[in-house]
Amino acid sequence: MTGENWNDVMFNSVRGVGWGAVVFFVVVFVVGNIILLNLFLAVLIDSFAEKKEDSHERLKQRRLERAQSSRGSRDSMSNVRYGVDLAIYK
C-alpha cells in the first residue's frame, strides 16, 4: 500500500484484462489507504489516552501521599480548624 508504481501495474492489467481492472485498482488503493490511516490513528489515539491515564494516576498518587504526610505532621484538630478535608484525596 505504499503507492509505488501501482499505476504501471494497473495499466499492464488494463492491457491484459480490460478497463474493469481500473475500478479494481482504484478501489483497492483508496480502501487500503483509508484502512491504514484508521489503524495508524487508532494506535496514536490509544497511546495518548494511556499517557493521560498514567499522568492522572500519578497526580492522584501524589495527592494521596501529601494527604498522608500532612496527617502525620498535624493533629486532626488542626485539619478541621484550617478547613482541610482529606477525604477528597482518597
Protein backbone atom coordinates (compact mmCIF):
# COMPACT_ATOMS: atom_id res chain seq x y z
CA MET A 1 0.00 0.00 0.00
CA THR A 2 2.95 2.31 -0.48
CA GLY A 3 1.53 3.51 -3.77
CA GLU A 4 4.80 2.93 -5.57
CA ASN A 5 4.24 2.08 -9.25
CA TRP A 6 0.67 0.97 -8.70
CA ASN A 7 -0.45 2.86 -11.80
CA ASP A 8 2.05 0.97 -14.02
CA VAL A 9 0.73 -2.33 -12.70
CA MET A 10 -2.82 -1.08 -13.28
CA PHE A 11 -2.12 -0.15 -16.90
CA ASN A 12 -0.47 -3.55 -17.51
CA SER A 13 -3.63 -5.16 -16.08
CA VAL A 14 -5.80 -2.98 -18.35
CA ARG A 15 -3.86 -4.28 -21.35
CA GLY A 16 -4.35 -7.88 -20.22
CA VAL A 17 -7.86 -7.86 -18.71
CA GLY A 18 -9.64 -4.71 -19.79
CA TRP A 19 -10.86 -1.47 -18.25
CA GLY A 20 -12.53 -3.27 -15.34
CA ALA A 21 -9.07 -3.52 -13.79
CA VAL A 22 -9.08 0.27 -13.28
CA VAL A 23 -12.06 0.06 -10.93
CA PHE A 24 -10.43 -2.78 -9.00
CA PHE A 25 -7.10 -0.98 -8.55
CA VAL A 26 -8.63 2.36 -7.59
CA VAL A 27 -10.94 0.72 -5.04
CA VAL A 28 -8.11 -1.36 -3.56
CA PHE A 29 -5.80 1.65 -3.38
CA VAL A 30 -8.35 4.01 -1.80
CA VAL A 31 -9.83 1.49 0.66
CA GLY A 32 -6.39 0.18 1.61
CA ASN A 33 -5.09 3.66 2.37
CA ILE A 34 -8.19 4.53 4.41
CA ILE A 35 -7.80 1.33 6.47
CA LEU A 36 -4.10 2.02 7.08
CA LEU A 37 -4.86 5.62 8.07
CA ASN A 38 -7.55 4.48 10.52
CA LEU A 39 -5.22 1.91 12.09
CA PHE A 40 -2.47 4.48 12.48
CA LEU A 41 -4.83 7.00 14.07
CA ALA A 42 -6.29 4.35 16.40
CA VAL A 43 -2.82 3.44 17.69
CA LEU A 44 -1.91 7.11 18.09
CA ILE A 45 -5.10 7.99 19.99
CA ASP A 46 -4.74 4.92 22.22
CA SER A 47 -1.17 5.93 23.06
CA PHE A 48 -2.27 9.43 24.06
CA ALA A 49 -5.12 8.03 26.16
CA GLU A 50 -2.73 5.74 28.06
CA LYS A 51 -0.34 8.61 28.74
CA LYS A 52 -3.19 10.78 30.02
CA GLU A 53 -4.42 7.96 32.26
CA ASP A 54 -0.90 7.38 33.63
CA SER A 55 -0.50 11.09 34.30
CA HIS A 56 -3.84 11.18 36.11
CA GLU A 57 -2.86 8.19 38.27
CA ARG A 58 0.49 9.79 39.23
CA LEU A 59 -1.26 13.04 40.20
CA LYS A 60 -3.75 11.11 42.29
CA GLN A 61 -0.91 9.21 43.99
CA ARG A 62 0.97 12.45 44.78
CA ARG A 63 -2.15 13.99 46.31
CA LEU A 64 -2.67 10.90 48.44
CA GLU A 65 0.95 10.95 49.62
CA ARG A 66 0.67 14.64 50.51
CA ALA A 67 -2.53 13.98 52.44
CA GLN A 68 -0.94 11.12 54.34
CA SER A 69 2.15 13.14 55.18
CA SER A 70 0.03 16.04 56.42
CA ARG A 71 -1.87 13.66 58.67
CA GLY A 72 1.34 12.55 60.31
CA SER A 73 2.64 16.05 60.94
CA ARG A 74 -0.57 17.67 62.18
CA ASP A 75 -3.18 16.56 64.60
CA SER A 76 -6.75 16.07 63.45
CA MET A 77 -7.98 19.29 65.09
CA SER A 78 -5.65 21.48 63.05
CA ASN A 79 -7.03 19.93 59.85
CA VAL A 80 -10.56 20.77 60.93
CA ARG A 81 -9.55 24.26 62.03
CA TYR A 82 -7.97 25.11 58.66
CA GLY A 83 -10.79 23.51 56.69
CA VAL A 84 -8.68 20.79 55.07
CA ASP A 85 -10.84 17.90 54.01
CA LEU A 86 -8.52 14.96 53.46
CA ALA A 87 -11.33 12.72 52.23
CA ILE A 88 -11.20 14.34 48.77
CA TYR A 89 -7.71 12.92 48.23
CA LYS A 90 -8.86 9.33 48.53
